Amino acid sequence: MTSTIKRRIARELLIFLLCAVIGLFIAYYVLYFHQRHYIPNLNDYHGDYIQDEGVNAIPYRYETPGDMFRDLYSGAGLKSWLYILTPYFALCFVRSIIWLVNALRRNKPPSP
């Protein structure tokens, strides 16, 4: 492979990774940030929990980034992966529109 092809592949990989990182933040904010996870049985949970005031309080904890990464490989992972890859898909869509407009302008015949 020539160095130009390698540079294009490297540039596209960097763009993809940057979009994936942005997508991770978007997915966490939309799907997990400030989401409560209720704990049905306190004996099954050995972490920190927040308990509302009162006798019949329902213990809960907030979703964490660890929950998001665990869910990526479970049945609910498809929705998370779509949120993660959405910035890259949107960027590819915008780039294809720009390419299309430029291609149509180049092949436009001169006006008489």
N, C-alpha and C. Protein backbone atom coordinates (compact mmCIF):
# COMPACT_ATOMS: atom_id res chain seq x y z
N MET A 1 0.84 -1.18 0.00
CA MET A 1 0.00 0.00 0.00
C MET A 1 0.88 1.24 0.00
N THR A 2 0.39 2.22 -0.66
CA THR A 2 1.13 3.47 -0.70
C THR A 2 0.89 4.25 0.58
N SER A 3 1.73 5.23 0.80
CA SER A 3 1.62 6.02 2.03
C SER A 3 0.34 6.86 2.04
N THR A 4 -0.15 7.25 0.86
CA THR A 4 -1.39 8.04 0.80
C THR A 4 -2.58 7.21 1.29
N ILE A 5 -2.63 5.96 0.88
CA ILE A 5 -3.72 5.07 1.31
C ILE A 5 -3.63 4.83 2.81
N LYS A 6 -2.41 4.61 3.29
CA LYS A 6 -2.24 4.39 4.73
C LYS A 6 -2.66 5.62 5.53
N ARG A 7 -2.34 6.78 5.02
CA ARG A 7 -2.73 8.02 5.72
C ARG A 7 -4.24 8.19 5.73
N ARG A 8 -4.90 7.85 4.62
CA ARG A 8 -6.36 7.95 4.58
C ARG A 8 -7.01 6.97 5.55
N ILE A 9 -6.49 5.76 5.60
CA ILE A 9 -7.03 4.76 6.53
C ILE A 9 -6.82 5.20 7.97
N ALA A 10 -5.63 5.72 8.26
CA ALA A 10 -5.34 6.19 9.62
C ALA A 10 -6.23 7.38 9.99
N ARG A 11 -6.45 8.28 9.06
CA ARG A 11 -7.32 9.44 9.33
C ARG A 11 -8.75 8.99 9.59
N GLU A 12 -9.24 8.04 8.78
CA GLU A 12 -10.61 7.56 8.96
C GLU A 12 -10.75 6.81 10.29
N LEU A 13 -9.73 6.07 10.68
CA LEU A 13 -9.77 5.37 11.96
C LEU A 13 -9.79 6.36 13.13
N LEU A 14 -9.01 7.42 13.03
CA LEU A 14 -9.03 8.44 14.08
C LEU A 14 -10.38 9.14 14.16
N ILE A 15 -10.98 9.41 13.02
CA ILE A 15 -12.32 10.02 13.01
C ILE A 15 -13.33 9.08 13.66
N PHE A 16 -13.24 7.79 13.32
CA PHE A 16 -14.16 6.81 13.90
C PHE A 16 -13.99 6.72 15.41
N LEU A 17 -12.74 6.68 15.89
CA LEU A 17 -12.51 6.58 17.33
C LEU A 17 -12.99 7.82 18.07
N LEU A 18 -12.76 8.98 17.49
CA LEU A 18 -13.24 10.22 18.10
C LEU A 18 -14.77 10.22 18.19
N CYS A 19 -15.42 9.82 17.11
CA CYS A 19 -16.89 9.75 17.12
C CYS A 19 -17.39 8.70 18.10
N ALA A 20 -16.67 7.59 18.25
CA ALA A 20 -17.09 6.56 19.20
C ALA A 20 -16.99 7.07 20.64
N VAL A 21 -15.94 7.82 20.94
CA VAL A 21 -15.81 8.39 22.29
C VAL A 21 -16.93 9.40 22.56
N ILE A 22 -17.22 10.24 21.58
CA ILE A 22 -18.34 11.17 21.73
C ILE A 22 -19.64 10.40 21.90
N GLY A 23 -19.80 9.32 21.14
CA GLY A 23 -21.00 8.49 21.25
C GLY A 23 -21.12 7.82 22.60
N LEU A 24 -20.00 7.44 23.21
CA LEU A 24 -20.05 6.86 24.56
C LEU A 24 -20.62 7.86 25.57
N PHE A 25 -20.16 9.11 25.47
CA PHE A 25 -20.69 10.13 26.37
C PHE A 25 -22.17 10.38 26.12
N ILE A 26 -22.57 10.41 24.86
CA ILE A 26 -23.98 10.62 24.53
C ILE A 26 -24.82 9.46 25.05
N ALA A 27 -24.36 8.23 24.83
CA ALA A 27 -25.12 7.05 25.28
C ALA A 27 -25.25 7.04 26.80
N TYR A 28 -24.18 7.38 27.51
CA TYR A 28 -24.26 7.39 28.96
C TYR A 28 -25.22 8.46 29.44
N TYR A 29 -25.14 9.64 28.85
CA TYR A 29 -26.01 10.73 29.28
C TYR A 29 -27.48 10.43 28.99
N VAL A 30 -27.77 9.90 27.81
CA VAL A 30 -29.16 9.65 27.42
C VAL A 30 -29.74 8.43 28.13
N LEU A 31 -28.96 7.37 28.23
CA LEU A 31 -29.52 6.11 28.73
C LEU A 31 -29.28 5.85 30.22
N TYR A 32 -28.21 6.40 30.80
CA TYR A 32 -27.84 5.99 32.15
C TYR A 32 -27.72 7.12 33.16
N PHE A 33 -27.45 8.33 32.71
CA PHE A 33 -27.21 9.42 33.65
C PHE A 33 -28.46 9.70 34.46
N HIS A 34 -28.31 9.72 35.76
CA HIS A 34 -29.36 10.02 36.72
C HIS A 34 -30.54 9.04 36.64
N GLN A 35 -30.25 7.81 36.23
CA GLN A 35 -31.26 6.75 36.22
C GLN A 35 -31.13 5.95 37.50
N ARG A 36 -32.23 5.75 38.20
CA ARG A 36 -32.21 4.99 39.44
C ARG A 36 -32.38 3.51 39.16
N HIS A 37 -31.64 2.73 39.88
CA HIS A 37 -31.74 1.27 39.81
C HIS A 37 -32.22 0.81 41.18
N TYR A 38 -33.44 0.34 41.26
CA TYR A 38 -34.01 -0.06 42.54
C TYR A 38 -33.48 -1.43 42.94
N ILE A 39 -33.24 -1.59 44.21
CA ILE A 39 -32.67 -2.83 44.75
C ILE A 39 -33.81 -3.59 45.45
N PRO A 40 -34.27 -4.70 44.86
CA PRO A 40 -35.40 -5.39 45.46
C PRO A 40 -35.07 -6.08 46.78
N ASN A 41 -33.85 -6.58 46.92
CA ASN A 41 -33.47 -7.31 48.12
C ASN A 41 -32.11 -6.80 48.58
N LEU A 42 -32.08 -6.18 49.73
CA LEU A 42 -30.83 -5.61 50.22
C LEU A 42 -29.78 -6.67 50.52
N ASN A 43 -30.19 -7.89 50.79
CA ASN A 43 -29.22 -8.95 51.07
C ASN A 43 -28.42 -9.32 49.83
N ASP A 44 -28.96 -9.04 48.64
CA ASP A 44 -28.27 -9.36 47.39
C ASP A 44 -27.35 -8.23 46.93
N TYR A 45 -27.35 -7.13 47.64
CA TYR A 45 -26.58 -5.97 47.21
C TYR A 45 -25.59 -5.59 48.30
N HIS A 46 -24.32 -5.47 47.94
CA HIS A 46 -23.28 -5.19 48.93
C HIS A 46 -22.55 -3.89 48.62
N GLY A 47 -23.22 -2.92 48.01
CA GLY A 47 -22.57 -1.66 47.66
C GLY A 47 -23.22 -0.51 48.39
N ASP A 48 -22.87 0.68 47.95
CA ASP A 48 -23.47 1.88 48.52
C ASP A 48 -24.88 2.03 47.98
N TYR A 49 -25.77 2.50 48.79
CA TYR A 49 -27.11 2.78 48.34
C TYR A 49 -27.63 4.00 49.09
N ILE A 50 -28.56 4.64 48.47
CA ILE A 50 -29.16 5.83 49.06
C ILE A 50 -30.56 5.44 49.50
N GLN A 51 -30.91 5.80 50.71
CA GLN A 51 -32.20 5.41 51.23
C GLN A 51 -32.99 6.67 51.56
N ASP A 52 -34.20 6.73 51.03
CA ASP A 52 -35.05 7.86 51.33
C ASP A 52 -35.43 7.84 52.80
N GLU A 53 -35.84 8.99 53.31
CA GLU A 53 -36.25 9.04 54.71
C GLU A 53 -37.60 8.36 54.87
N GLY A 54 -37.76 7.67 55.96
CA GLY A 54 -39.03 7.00 56.24
C GLY A 54 -38.82 5.53 56.51
N VAL A 55 -39.87 4.92 57.07
CA VAL A 55 -39.79 3.51 57.43
C VAL A 55 -39.84 2.62 56.21
N ASN A 56 -40.70 2.92 55.24
CA ASN A 56 -40.87 2.09 54.05
C ASN A 56 -40.06 2.63 52.88
N ALA A 57 -38.84 3.03 53.13
CA ALA A 57 -38.00 3.59 52.08
C ALA A 57 -37.59 2.51 51.10
N ILE A 58 -37.46 2.91 49.83
CA ILE A 58 -37.03 1.99 48.79
C ILE A 58 -35.57 2.30 48.48
N PRO A 59 -34.68 1.37 48.75
CA PRO A 59 -33.26 1.63 48.47
C PRO A 59 -33.00 1.60 46.96
N TYR A 60 -32.09 2.43 46.52
CA TYR A 60 -31.73 2.48 45.12
C TYR A 60 -30.30 2.96 44.99
N ARG A 61 -29.78 2.80 43.79
CA ARG A 61 -28.48 3.37 43.45
C ARG A 61 -28.60 3.91 42.04
N TYR A 62 -27.70 4.81 41.69
CA TYR A 62 -27.72 5.38 40.35
C TYR A 62 -26.92 4.49 39.41
N GLU A 63 -27.33 4.49 38.14
CA GLU A 63 -26.60 3.74 37.12
C GLU A 63 -25.22 4.36 36.94
N THR A 64 -24.23 3.53 36.71
CA THR A 64 -22.85 3.97 36.58
C THR A 64 -22.33 3.66 35.17
N PRO A 65 -21.17 4.22 34.80
CA PRO A 65 -20.59 3.83 33.50
C PRO A 65 -20.30 2.33 33.43
N GLY A 66 -20.01 1.72 34.57
CA GLY A 66 -19.80 0.27 34.58
C GLY A 66 -21.05 -0.48 34.15
N ASP A 67 -22.22 0.02 34.55
CA ASP A 67 -23.47 -0.60 34.11
C ASP A 67 -23.62 -0.49 32.60
N MET A 68 -23.23 0.65 32.05
CA MET A 68 -23.34 0.84 30.61
C MET A 68 -22.43 -0.15 29.87
N PHE A 69 -21.18 -0.27 30.31
CA PHE A 69 -20.26 -1.19 29.62
C PHE A 69 -20.70 -2.64 29.78
N ARG A 70 -21.30 -2.98 30.91
CA ARG A 70 -21.82 -4.34 31.10
C ARG A 70 -22.98 -4.59 30.15
N ASP A 71 -23.84 -3.59 29.97
CA ASP A 71 -25.01 -3.75 29.12
C ASP A 71 -24.66 -3.79 27.63
N LEU A 72 -23.48 -3.31 27.25
CA LEU A 72 -23.11 -3.33 25.84
C LEU A 72 -23.08 -4.74 25.26
N TYR A 73 -22.81 -5.71 26.09
CA TYR A 73 -22.70 -7.09 25.61
C TYR A 73 -23.85 -7.95 26.09
N SER A 74 -24.95 -7.31 26.50
CA SER A 74 -26.14 -8.06 26.89
C SER A 74 -27.22 -7.82 25.84
N GLY A 75 -28.43 -8.25 26.16
CA GLY A 75 -29.54 -8.08 25.21
C GLY A 75 -29.89 -6.64 24.96
N ALA A 76 -29.65 -5.76 25.92
CA ALA A 76 -29.97 -4.34 25.77
C ALA A 76 -28.86 -3.58 25.05
N GLY A 77 -27.83 -4.27 24.63
CA GLY A 77 -26.67 -3.61 24.03
C GLY A 77 -26.90 -2.98 22.68
N LEU A 78 -27.86 -3.47 21.91
CA LEU A 78 -28.08 -2.93 20.57
C LEU A 78 -28.46 -1.46 20.63
N LYS A 79 -29.31 -1.10 21.56
CA LYS A 79 -29.72 0.29 21.71
C LYS A 79 -28.51 1.16 22.08
N SER A 80 -27.66 0.67 22.97
CA SER A 80 -26.47 1.42 23.37
C SER A 80 -25.51 1.57 22.21
N TRP A 81 -25.30 0.50 21.44
CA TRP A 81 -24.38 0.57 20.30
C TRP A 81 -24.89 1.56 19.25
N LEU A 82 -26.21 1.63 19.07
CA LEU A 82 -26.75 2.60 18.12
C LEU A 82 -26.48 4.03 18.57
N TYR A 83 -26.61 4.30 19.87
CA TYR A 83 -26.30 5.63 20.37
C TYR A 83 -24.80 5.92 20.24
N ILE A 84 -23.97 4.92 20.46
CA ILE A 84 -22.52 5.12 20.38
C ILE A 84 -22.08 5.39 18.94
N LEU A 85 -22.66 4.70 17.98
CA LEU A 85 -22.24 4.84 16.59
C LEU A 85 -22.98 5.95 15.83
N THR A 86 -24.00 6.54 16.44
CA THR A 86 -24.77 7.59 15.77
C THR A 86 -23.91 8.79 15.32
N PRO A 87 -22.98 9.30 16.13
CA PRO A 87 -22.17 10.43 15.63
C PRO A 87 -21.38 10.08 14.37
N TYR A 88 -20.85 8.86 14.28
CA TYR A 88 -20.09 8.48 13.09
C TYR A 88 -21.02 8.33 11.89
N PHE A 89 -22.20 7.72 12.11
CA PHE A 89 -23.16 7.59 11.01
C PHE A 89 -23.60 8.96 10.51
N ALA A 90 -23.84 9.89 11.43
CA ALA A 90 -24.25 11.24 11.04
C ALA A 90 -23.14 11.94 10.27
N LEU A 91 -21.90 11.78 10.73
CA LEU A 91 -20.78 12.38 10.03
C LEU A 91 -20.63 11.80 8.62
N CYS A 92 -20.78 10.49 8.49
CA CYS A 92 -20.69 9.86 7.16
C CYS A 92 -21.80 10.36 6.25
N PHE A 93 -22.99 10.56 6.81
CA PHE A 93 -24.11 11.08 6.02
C PHE A 93 -23.82 12.49 5.53
N VAL A 94 -23.32 13.35 6.40
CA VAL A 94 -22.99 14.73 6.00
C VAL A 94 -21.87 14.73 4.97
N ARG A 95 -20.86 13.89 5.18
CA ARG A 95 -19.75 13.83 4.21
C ARG A 95 -20.23 13.34 2.86
N SER A 96 -21.17 12.40 2.82
CA SER A 96 -21.67 11.90 1.53
C SER A 96 -22.49 12.97 0.82
N ILE A 97 -23.23 13.78 1.57
CA ILE A 97 -23.98 14.87 0.95
C ILE A 97 -23.02 15.91 0.36
N ILE A 98 -21.98 16.24 1.10
CA ILE A 98 -20.97 17.19 0.60
C ILE A 98 -20.30 16.64 -0.65
N TRP A 99 -19.95 15.36 -0.65
CA TRP A 99 -19.34 14.74 -1.82
C TRP A 99 -20.28 14.78 -3.01
N LEU A 100 -21.57 14.50 -2.77
CA LEU A 100 -22.56 14.51 -3.84
C LEU A 100 -22.71 15.90 -4.46
N VAL A 101 -22.78 16.92 -3.63
CA VAL A 101 -22.91 18.28 -4.14
C VAL A 101 -21.67 18.67 -4.94
N ASN A 102 -20.50 18.33 -4.44
CA ASN A 102 -19.27 18.64 -5.19
C ASN A 102 -19.20 17.88 -6.50
N ALA A 103 -19.63 16.63 -6.52
CA ALA A 103 -19.61 15.84 -7.75
C ALA A 103 -20.58 16.41 -8.77
N LEU A 104 -21.74 16.88 -8.33
CA LEU A 104 -22.70 17.47 -9.27
C LEU A 104 -22.19 18.80 -9.81
N ARG A 105 -21.49 19.56 -8.99
CA ARG A 105 -20.95 20.84 -9.46
C ARG A 105 -19.83 20.64 -10.48
N ARG A 106 -19.01 19.62 -10.29
CA ARG A 106 -17.91 19.35 -11.22
C ARG A 106 -18.40 18.95 -12.59
N ASN A 107 -19.47 18.17 -12.66
CA ASN A 107 -19.97 17.65 -13.94
C ASN A 107 -21.00 18.55 -14.57
N LYS A 108 -21.20 19.73 -14.03
CA LYS A 108 -22.17 20.67 -14.59
C LYS A 108 -21.63 21.25 -15.90
N PRO A 109 -22.40 21.15 -16.98
CA PRO A 109 -21.90 21.70 -18.26
C PRO A 109 -21.89 23.23 -18.20
N PRO A 110 -20.96 23.85 -18.90
CA PRO A 110 -20.91 25.32 -18.89
C PRO A 110 -22.17 25.90 -19.52
N SER A 111 -22.62 26.98 -18.97
CA SER A 111 -23.83 27.63 -19.50
C SER A 111 -23.45 28.46 -20.74
N PRO A 112 -24.33 28.49 -21.76
CA PRO A 112 -24.00 29.23 -23.02
C PRO A 112 -24.08 30.71 -22.86
